[in-house]
Amino acid sequence: MRLQPVKNLLRQPARLAAVIISAVPPLMVKTAANPGGLPKEVFDGLQAQIATNRAQFYYDFPAGPFYGYNRPVCETLSGCDLELVAPRMMGGAKAHYDGIVAFSQTDFTEDLKKITVPVLVMHGDDDQIVPYADSAPLSAKG
């Protein structure tokens, strides 16, 4: 899970000197407490794609927004990128399906507030998967 290492380290605060967070929002899905989040239907769509044809999903997702291949300046997928579909398929279908819920609906807001050491938040503003405005500034705010 996205912030599980931070949760584990918070159990041992004496061992924690600093934290680096990259493209991890406190919460992905849109809720009353997170109005800037993505609609639940976005994640329902990802689950539907995984349930329908995982192999195609693991080809299409990186071929588009994940690696930015949908940008006009990018080349099409290379053989190396296509080769990455096989390892993705080695994971369990149910774990991948349920992982969408864990990724989108787990709220780490309170966990972020417990971090008492310096935090470096790294996140580009052209991220098509995790919107910058609903991630880095909120993670930094804790």
N, C-alpha and C. Protein backbone atom coordinates (compact mmCIF):
# COMPACT_ATOMS: atom_id res chain seq x y z
N MET A 1 0.84 -1.17 0.00
CA MET A 1 0.00 0.00 0.00
C MET A 1 0.89 1.24 0.00
N ARG A 2 0.40 2.30 -0.49
CA ARG A 2 1.18 3.49 -0.76
C ARG A 2 1.95 4.03 0.43
N LEU A 3 1.36 4.20 1.58
CA LEU A 3 2.06 4.77 2.72
C LEU A 3 2.32 3.75 3.81
N GLN A 4 2.20 2.48 3.51
CA GLN A 4 2.42 1.45 4.52
C GLN A 4 3.81 1.55 5.14
N PRO A 5 4.87 1.80 4.35
CA PRO A 5 6.18 1.96 5.00
C PRO A 5 6.20 3.09 6.01
N VAL A 6 5.52 4.18 5.74
CA VAL A 6 5.46 5.29 6.70
C VAL A 6 4.72 4.85 7.94
N LYS A 7 3.62 4.11 7.77
CA LYS A 7 2.87 3.62 8.93
C LYS A 7 3.76 2.72 9.79
N ASN A 8 4.55 1.87 9.14
CA ASN A 8 5.44 0.97 9.89
C ASN A 8 6.51 1.76 10.63
N LEU A 9 7.08 2.77 9.98
CA LEU A 9 8.12 3.56 10.62
C LEU A 9 7.56 4.38 11.79
N LEU A 10 6.31 4.81 11.68
CA LEU A 10 5.72 5.58 12.77
C LEU A 10 5.58 4.75 14.04
N ARG A 11 5.58 3.43 13.88
CA ARG A 11 5.53 2.55 15.06
C ARG A 11 6.88 2.53 15.77
N GLN A 12 7.95 2.98 15.09
CA GLN A 12 9.30 2.99 15.63
C GLN A 12 9.91 4.38 15.43
N PRO A 13 9.35 5.41 16.04
CA PRO A 13 9.77 6.78 15.76
C PRO A 13 11.24 7.05 16.03
N ALA A 14 11.87 6.35 16.95
CA ALA A 14 13.28 6.59 17.25
C ALA A 14 14.17 6.24 16.06
N ARG A 15 13.72 5.39 15.17
CA ARG A 15 14.51 4.98 14.02
C ARG A 15 14.27 5.86 12.79
N LEU A 16 13.35 6.80 12.89
CA LEU A 16 12.95 7.61 11.75
C LEU A 16 13.64 8.97 11.79
N ALA A 17 14.48 9.27 10.79
CA ALA A 17 15.19 10.54 10.76
C ALA A 17 14.57 11.52 9.76
N ALA A 18 14.02 11.00 8.67
CA ALA A 18 13.40 11.83 7.64
C ALA A 18 12.52 10.94 6.78
N VAL A 19 11.64 11.57 6.00
CA VAL A 19 10.72 10.84 5.14
C VAL A 19 10.72 11.48 3.76
N ILE A 20 10.69 10.65 2.73
CA ILE A 20 10.51 11.13 1.36
C ILE A 20 9.19 10.58 0.86
N ILE A 21 8.32 11.44 0.36
CA ILE A 21 7.02 11.03 -0.18
C ILE A 21 6.98 11.46 -1.63
N SER A 22 6.59 10.56 -2.50
CA SER A 22 6.54 10.86 -3.92
C SER A 22 5.18 10.50 -4.50
N ALA A 23 4.47 11.48 -5.00
CA ALA A 23 3.18 11.29 -5.67
C ALA A 23 2.21 10.45 -4.85
N VAL A 24 2.13 10.75 -3.57
CA VAL A 24 1.21 10.01 -2.70
C VAL A 24 0.25 10.99 -2.04
N PRO A 25 -0.99 10.99 -2.48
CA PRO A 25 -1.96 11.87 -1.83
C PRO A 25 -2.48 11.24 -0.54
N PRO A 26 -2.96 12.06 0.37
CA PRO A 26 -3.58 11.50 1.57
C PRO A 26 -4.78 10.62 1.22
N LEU A 27 -5.52 10.98 0.17
CA LEU A 27 -6.70 10.23 -0.26
C LEU A 27 -6.93 10.52 -1.73
N MET A 28 -7.18 9.49 -2.53
CA MET A 28 -7.36 9.67 -3.97
C MET A 28 -8.81 9.96 -4.37
N VAL A 29 -9.75 9.27 -3.75
CA VAL A 29 -11.15 9.34 -4.18
C VAL A 29 -11.82 10.62 -3.65
N LYS A 30 -12.75 11.12 -4.42
CA LYS A 30 -13.50 12.32 -4.04
C LYS A 30 -14.49 11.97 -2.93
N THR A 31 -14.43 12.74 -1.85
CA THR A 31 -15.37 12.60 -0.73
C THR A 31 -15.73 14.00 -0.25
N ALA A 32 -16.61 14.07 0.73
CA ALA A 32 -16.94 15.38 1.31
C ALA A 32 -15.70 16.02 1.92
N ALA A 33 -14.85 15.20 2.54
CA ALA A 33 -13.62 15.71 3.16
C ALA A 33 -12.51 15.94 2.14
N ASN A 34 -12.66 15.38 0.94
CA ASN A 34 -11.64 15.50 -0.11
C ASN A 34 -12.30 15.88 -1.44
N PRO A 35 -12.82 17.10 -1.53
CA PRO A 35 -13.57 17.51 -2.72
C PRO A 35 -12.74 17.56 -4.00
N GLY A 36 -11.41 17.63 -3.89
CA GLY A 36 -10.56 17.67 -5.07
C GLY A 36 -10.18 16.30 -5.59
N GLY A 37 -10.65 15.25 -4.92
CA GLY A 37 -10.31 13.89 -5.34
C GLY A 37 -10.97 13.50 -6.65
N LEU A 38 -10.56 12.35 -7.15
CA LEU A 38 -11.15 11.83 -8.39
C LEU A 38 -12.46 11.12 -8.09
N PRO A 39 -13.44 11.22 -8.97
CA PRO A 39 -14.71 10.52 -8.74
C PRO A 39 -14.51 9.01 -8.61
N LYS A 40 -15.29 8.39 -7.77
CA LYS A 40 -15.19 6.94 -7.55
C LYS A 40 -15.37 6.18 -8.86
N GLU A 41 -16.11 6.73 -9.79
CA GLU A 41 -16.35 6.07 -11.07
C GLU A 41 -15.05 5.85 -11.85
N VAL A 42 -14.06 6.71 -11.64
CA VAL A 42 -12.76 6.52 -12.30
C VAL A 42 -12.15 5.20 -11.84
N PHE A 43 -12.19 4.95 -10.55
CA PHE A 43 -11.61 3.73 -9.99
C PHE A 43 -12.47 2.52 -10.28
N ASP A 44 -13.79 2.72 -10.32
CA ASP A 44 -14.69 1.63 -10.73
C ASP A 44 -14.36 1.20 -12.15
N GLY A 45 -14.03 2.17 -13.00
CA GLY A 45 -13.67 1.87 -14.38
C GLY A 45 -12.38 1.07 -14.47
N LEU A 46 -11.39 1.42 -13.63
CA LEU A 46 -10.15 0.64 -13.60
C LEU A 46 -10.42 -0.79 -13.17
N GLN A 47 -11.27 -0.95 -12.15
CA GLN A 47 -11.61 -2.30 -11.70
C GLN A 47 -12.34 -3.07 -12.79
N ALA A 48 -13.23 -2.41 -13.50
CA ALA A 48 -13.96 -3.09 -14.59
C ALA A 48 -12.99 -3.55 -15.67
N GLN A 49 -12.01 -2.73 -15.99
CA GLN A 49 -11.02 -3.11 -17.00
C GLN A 49 -10.19 -4.31 -16.53
N ILE A 50 -9.81 -4.31 -15.26
CA ILE A 50 -9.04 -5.44 -14.73
C ILE A 50 -9.90 -6.70 -14.72
N ALA A 51 -11.17 -6.58 -14.36
CA ALA A 51 -12.05 -7.74 -14.32
C ALA A 51 -12.35 -8.28 -15.71
N THR A 52 -12.39 -7.40 -16.70
CA THR A 52 -12.74 -7.80 -18.06
C THR A 52 -11.56 -8.41 -18.81
N ASN A 53 -10.40 -7.73 -18.76
CA ASN A 53 -9.25 -8.20 -19.53
C ASN A 53 -7.99 -7.57 -18.94
N ARG A 54 -7.42 -8.24 -17.94
CA ARG A 54 -6.24 -7.69 -17.26
C ARG A 54 -5.07 -7.45 -18.21
N ALA A 55 -4.83 -8.39 -19.10
CA ALA A 55 -3.69 -8.25 -20.01
C ALA A 55 -3.83 -6.98 -20.85
N GLN A 56 -5.01 -6.73 -21.35
CA GLN A 56 -5.22 -5.53 -22.15
C GLN A 56 -5.06 -4.28 -21.29
N PHE A 57 -5.57 -4.34 -20.06
CA PHE A 57 -5.42 -3.21 -19.14
C PHE A 57 -3.94 -2.91 -18.90
N TYR A 58 -3.14 -3.95 -18.65
CA TYR A 58 -1.72 -3.75 -18.37
C TYR A 58 -0.93 -3.33 -19.60
N TYR A 59 -1.53 -3.46 -20.75
CA TYR A 59 -0.93 -2.90 -21.96
C TYR A 59 -1.39 -1.45 -22.13
N ASP A 60 -2.69 -1.21 -22.03
CA ASP A 60 -3.26 0.11 -22.31
C ASP A 60 -2.86 1.18 -21.30
N PHE A 61 -2.85 0.84 -20.02
CA PHE A 61 -2.59 1.83 -18.97
C PHE A 61 -1.18 2.43 -19.11
N PRO A 62 -0.14 1.61 -19.22
CA PRO A 62 1.19 2.19 -19.44
C PRO A 62 1.33 2.84 -20.82
N ALA A 63 0.59 2.33 -21.81
CA ALA A 63 0.69 2.86 -23.17
C ALA A 63 0.10 4.27 -23.26
N GLY A 64 -0.68 4.64 -22.29
CA GLY A 64 -1.31 5.96 -22.31
C GLY A 64 -0.75 6.86 -21.24
N PRO A 65 -1.54 7.14 -20.23
CA PRO A 65 -1.15 8.18 -19.27
C PRO A 65 -0.04 7.79 -18.31
N PHE A 66 0.14 6.52 -18.01
CA PHE A 66 1.09 6.16 -16.95
C PHE A 66 2.51 6.58 -17.29
N TYR A 67 2.98 6.26 -18.46
CA TYR A 67 4.32 6.67 -18.88
C TYR A 67 4.29 7.88 -19.81
N GLY A 68 3.13 8.43 -20.06
CA GLY A 68 3.02 9.61 -20.89
C GLY A 68 3.09 9.36 -22.38
N TYR A 69 2.86 8.11 -22.80
CA TYR A 69 2.90 7.80 -24.23
C TYR A 69 1.74 8.44 -24.99
N ASN A 70 0.76 8.96 -24.28
CA ASN A 70 -0.35 9.64 -24.96
C ASN A 70 -0.01 11.09 -25.29
N ARG A 71 1.20 11.52 -25.01
CA ARG A 71 1.64 12.87 -25.34
C ARG A 71 2.13 12.90 -26.78
N PRO A 72 1.88 14.00 -27.49
CA PRO A 72 2.29 14.09 -28.90
C PRO A 72 3.79 13.94 -29.13
N VAL A 73 4.60 14.31 -28.16
CA VAL A 73 6.05 14.26 -28.33
C VAL A 73 6.65 12.89 -28.05
N CYS A 74 5.84 11.94 -27.59
CA CYS A 74 6.36 10.63 -27.21
C CYS A 74 6.28 9.63 -28.36
N GLU A 75 7.23 8.72 -28.34
CA GLU A 75 7.23 7.62 -29.29
C GLU A 75 6.18 6.60 -28.85
N THR A 76 5.87 5.67 -29.73
CA THR A 76 4.95 4.61 -29.36
C THR A 76 5.66 3.63 -28.44
N LEU A 77 4.92 2.68 -27.92
CA LEU A 77 5.49 1.68 -27.03
C LEU A 77 6.61 0.92 -27.71
N SER A 78 7.63 0.62 -26.94
CA SER A 78 8.73 -0.19 -27.46
C SER A 78 8.53 -1.64 -27.01
N GLY A 79 9.34 -2.53 -27.54
CA GLY A 79 9.28 -3.93 -27.14
C GLY A 79 9.53 -4.11 -25.66
N CYS A 80 10.40 -3.29 -25.09
CA CYS A 80 10.68 -3.39 -23.65
C CYS A 80 9.42 -3.08 -22.83
N ASP A 81 8.67 -2.10 -23.29
CA ASP A 81 7.45 -1.75 -22.58
C ASP A 81 6.42 -2.87 -22.68
N LEU A 82 6.33 -3.46 -23.86
CA LEU A 82 5.39 -4.57 -24.04
C LEU A 82 5.77 -5.76 -23.18
N GLU A 83 7.06 -5.94 -22.99
CA GLU A 83 7.54 -7.06 -22.17
C GLU A 83 7.11 -6.93 -20.72
N LEU A 84 6.81 -5.72 -20.28
CA LEU A 84 6.40 -5.50 -18.89
C LEU A 84 5.00 -6.03 -18.59
N VAL A 85 4.23 -6.38 -19.60
CA VAL A 85 2.89 -6.92 -19.36
C VAL A 85 2.98 -8.26 -18.64
N ALA A 86 3.92 -9.10 -19.01
CA ALA A 86 4.02 -10.44 -18.41
C ALA A 86 4.22 -10.41 -16.90
N PRO A 87 5.19 -9.62 -16.38
CA PRO A 87 5.32 -9.60 -14.92
C PRO A 87 4.08 -9.05 -14.21
N ARG A 88 3.41 -8.11 -14.85
CA ARG A 88 2.19 -7.57 -14.24
C ARG A 88 1.12 -8.65 -14.12
N MET A 89 1.10 -9.55 -15.11
CA MET A 89 0.10 -10.62 -15.11
C MET A 89 0.40 -11.70 -14.07
N MET A 90 1.59 -11.71 -13.51
CA MET A 90 1.95 -12.73 -12.52
C MET A 90 1.26 -12.50 -11.19
N GLY A 91 0.83 -11.29 -10.93
CA GLY A 91 0.11 -11.00 -9.70
C GLY A 91 -1.29 -11.58 -9.75
N GLY A 92 -1.90 -11.74 -8.61
CA GLY A 92 -3.24 -12.31 -8.53
C GLY A 92 -4.31 -11.33 -9.01
N ALA A 93 -5.26 -11.84 -9.76
CA ALA A 93 -6.33 -11.00 -10.30
C ALA A 93 -7.12 -10.32 -9.18
N LYS A 94 -7.44 -11.06 -8.14
CA LYS A 94 -8.21 -10.47 -7.03
C LYS A 94 -7.39 -9.40 -6.31
N ALA A 95 -6.10 -9.67 -6.12
CA ALA A 95 -5.24 -8.68 -5.45
C ALA A 95 -5.17 -7.39 -6.27
N HIS A 96 -5.07 -7.52 -7.58
CA HIS A 96 -5.03 -6.33 -8.43
C HIS A 96 -6.36 -5.58 -8.36
N TYR A 97 -7.44 -6.32 -8.41
CA TYR A 97 -8.78 -5.73 -8.34
C TYR A 97 -8.97 -5.00 -7.01
N ASP A 98 -8.66 -5.69 -5.91
CA ASP A 98 -8.82 -5.09 -4.59
C ASP A 98 -7.81 -3.96 -4.34
N GLY A 99 -6.66 -4.03 -5.00
CA GLY A 99 -5.65 -2.99 -4.85
C GLY A 99 -6.14 -1.64 -5.32
N ILE A 100 -7.05 -1.63 -6.29
CA ILE A 100 -7.62 -0.36 -6.76
C ILE A 100 -8.38 0.32 -5.61
N VAL A 101 -9.12 -0.46 -4.84
CA VAL A 101 -9.86 0.10 -3.70
C VAL A 101 -8.88 0.61 -2.65
N ALA A 102 -7.87 -0.20 -2.34
CA ALA A 102 -6.88 0.21 -1.33
C ALA A 102 -6.16 1.48 -1.76
N PHE A 103 -5.79 1.54 -3.03
CA PHE A 103 -5.07 2.70 -3.57
C PHE A 103 -5.93 3.96 -3.54
N SER A 104 -7.20 3.81 -3.85
CA SER A 104 -8.04 4.99 -4.02
C SER A 104 -8.78 5.42 -2.75
N GLN A 105 -9.12 4.49 -1.89
CA GLN A 105 -10.02 4.82 -0.79
C GLN A 105 -9.40 4.82 0.59
N THR A 106 -8.13 4.43 0.72
CA THR A 106 -7.47 4.47 2.02
C THR A 106 -7.07 5.91 2.31
N ASP A 107 -7.51 6.41 3.44
CA ASP A 107 -7.24 7.81 3.81
C ASP A 107 -6.05 7.87 4.77
N PHE A 108 -4.98 8.48 4.32
CA PHE A 108 -3.76 8.59 5.12
C PHE A 108 -3.60 9.96 5.78
N THR A 109 -4.65 10.75 5.79
CA THR A 109 -4.57 12.10 6.33
C THR A 109 -4.05 12.11 7.77
N GLU A 110 -4.63 11.29 8.61
CA GLU A 110 -4.21 11.26 10.02
C GLU A 110 -2.81 10.71 10.18
N ASP A 111 -2.43 9.72 9.36
CA ASP A 111 -1.08 9.18 9.42
C ASP A 111 -0.04 10.24 9.07
N LEU A 112 -0.33 11.04 8.04
CA LEU A 112 0.60 12.09 7.65
C LEU A 112 0.78 13.12 8.76
N LYS A 113 -0.26 13.38 9.51
CA LYS A 113 -0.18 14.35 10.61
C LYS A 113 0.74 13.87 11.73
N LYS A 114 0.96 12.57 11.83
CA LYS A 114 1.78 12.00 12.89
C LYS A 114 3.28 12.05 12.59
N ILE A 115 3.64 12.39 11.38
CA ILE A 115 5.06 12.45 11.03
C ILE A 115 5.66 13.71 11.64
N THR A 116 6.69 13.53 12.45
CA THR A 116 7.29 14.65 13.18
C THR A 116 8.71 14.95 12.72
N VAL A 117 9.18 14.29 11.70
CA VAL A 117 10.53 14.53 11.17
C VAL A 117 10.41 15.27 9.85
N PRO A 118 11.51 15.82 9.34
CA PRO A 118 11.45 16.51 8.05
C PRO A 118 10.93 15.59 6.94
N VAL A 119 10.14 16.17 6.05
CA VAL A 119 9.56 15.42 4.94
C VAL A 119 9.89 16.14 3.63
N LEU A 120 10.38 15.36 2.66
CA LEU A 120 10.60 15.88 1.32
C LEU A 120 9.51 15.27 0.44
N VAL A 121 8.67 16.11 -0.12
CA VAL A 121 7.60 15.65 -1.01
C VAL A 121 8.03 15.94 -2.44
N MET A 122 8.11 14.89 -3.27
CA MET A 122 8.50 15.04 -4.67
C MET A 122 7.34 14.60 -5.55
N HIS A 123 6.92 15.50 -6.45
CA HIS A 123 5.81 15.18 -7.34
C HIS A 123 5.78 16.17 -8.48
N GLY A 124 5.77 15.67 -9.70
CA GLY A 124 5.72 16.55 -10.86
C GLY A 124 4.31 17.07 -11.11
N ASP A 125 4.22 18.24 -11.71
CA ASP A 125 2.90 18.83 -11.95
C ASP A 125 2.26 18.34 -13.25
N ASP A 126 2.89 17.41 -13.95
CA ASP A 126 2.31 16.86 -15.18
C ASP A 126 1.90 15.40 -15.00
N ASP A 127 1.69 14.99 -13.78
CA ASP A 127 1.30 13.62 -13.48
C ASP A 127 -0.15 13.42 -13.92
N GLN A 128 -0.38 12.47 -14.81
CA GLN A 128 -1.73 12.21 -15.33
C GLN A 128 -2.48 11.17 -14.51
N ILE A 129 -1.81 10.50 -13.61
CA ILE A 129 -2.44 9.45 -12.81
C ILE A 129 -2.84 9.99 -11.43
N VAL A 130 -1.91 10.64 -10.77
CA VAL A 130 -2.16 11.22 -9.44
C VAL A 130 -2.10 12.74 -9.60
N PRO A 131 -3.24 13.41 -9.62
CA PRO A 131 -3.24 14.87 -9.82
C PRO A 131 -2.39 15.60 -8.78
N TYR A 132 -1.49 16.43 -9.25
CA TYR A 132 -0.58 17.16 -8.37
C TYR A 132 -1.32 17.96 -7.31
N ALA A 133 -2.32 18.72 -7.73
CA ALA A 133 -3.01 19.63 -6.79
C ALA A 133 -3.67 18.88 -5.64
N ASP A 134 -4.01 17.63 -5.86
CA ASP A 134 -4.66 16.85 -4.81
C ASP A 134 -3.69 15.85 -4.17
N SER A 135 -2.40 16.09 -4.36
CA SER A 135 -1.43 15.17 -3.81
C SER A 135 -0.32 15.90 -3.05
N ALA A 136 0.66 16.39 -3.76
CA ALA A 136 1.86 16.96 -3.12
C ALA A 136 1.53 18.04 -2.10
N PRO A 137 0.74 19.07 -2.45
CA PRO A 137 0.47 20.10 -1.45
C PRO A 137 -0.23 19.55 -0.20
N LEU A 138 -1.13 18.60 -0.39
CA LEU A 138 -1.84 18.03 0.75
C LEU A 138 -0.93 17.12 1.58
N SER A 139 -0.06 16.37 0.90
CA SER A 139 0.88 15.52 1.62
C SER A 139 1.86 16.36 2.42
N ALA A 140 2.32 17.47 1.83
CA ALA A 140 3.26 18.35 2.52
C ALA A 140 2.61 19.03 3.72
N LYS A 141 1.34 19.33 3.58
CA LYS A 141 0.61 19.98 4.66
C LYS A 141 0.43 19.04 5.85
N GLY A 142 0.26 17.75 5.53
CA GLY A 142 0.12 16.75 6.57
C GLY A 142 -1.01 16.96 7.40
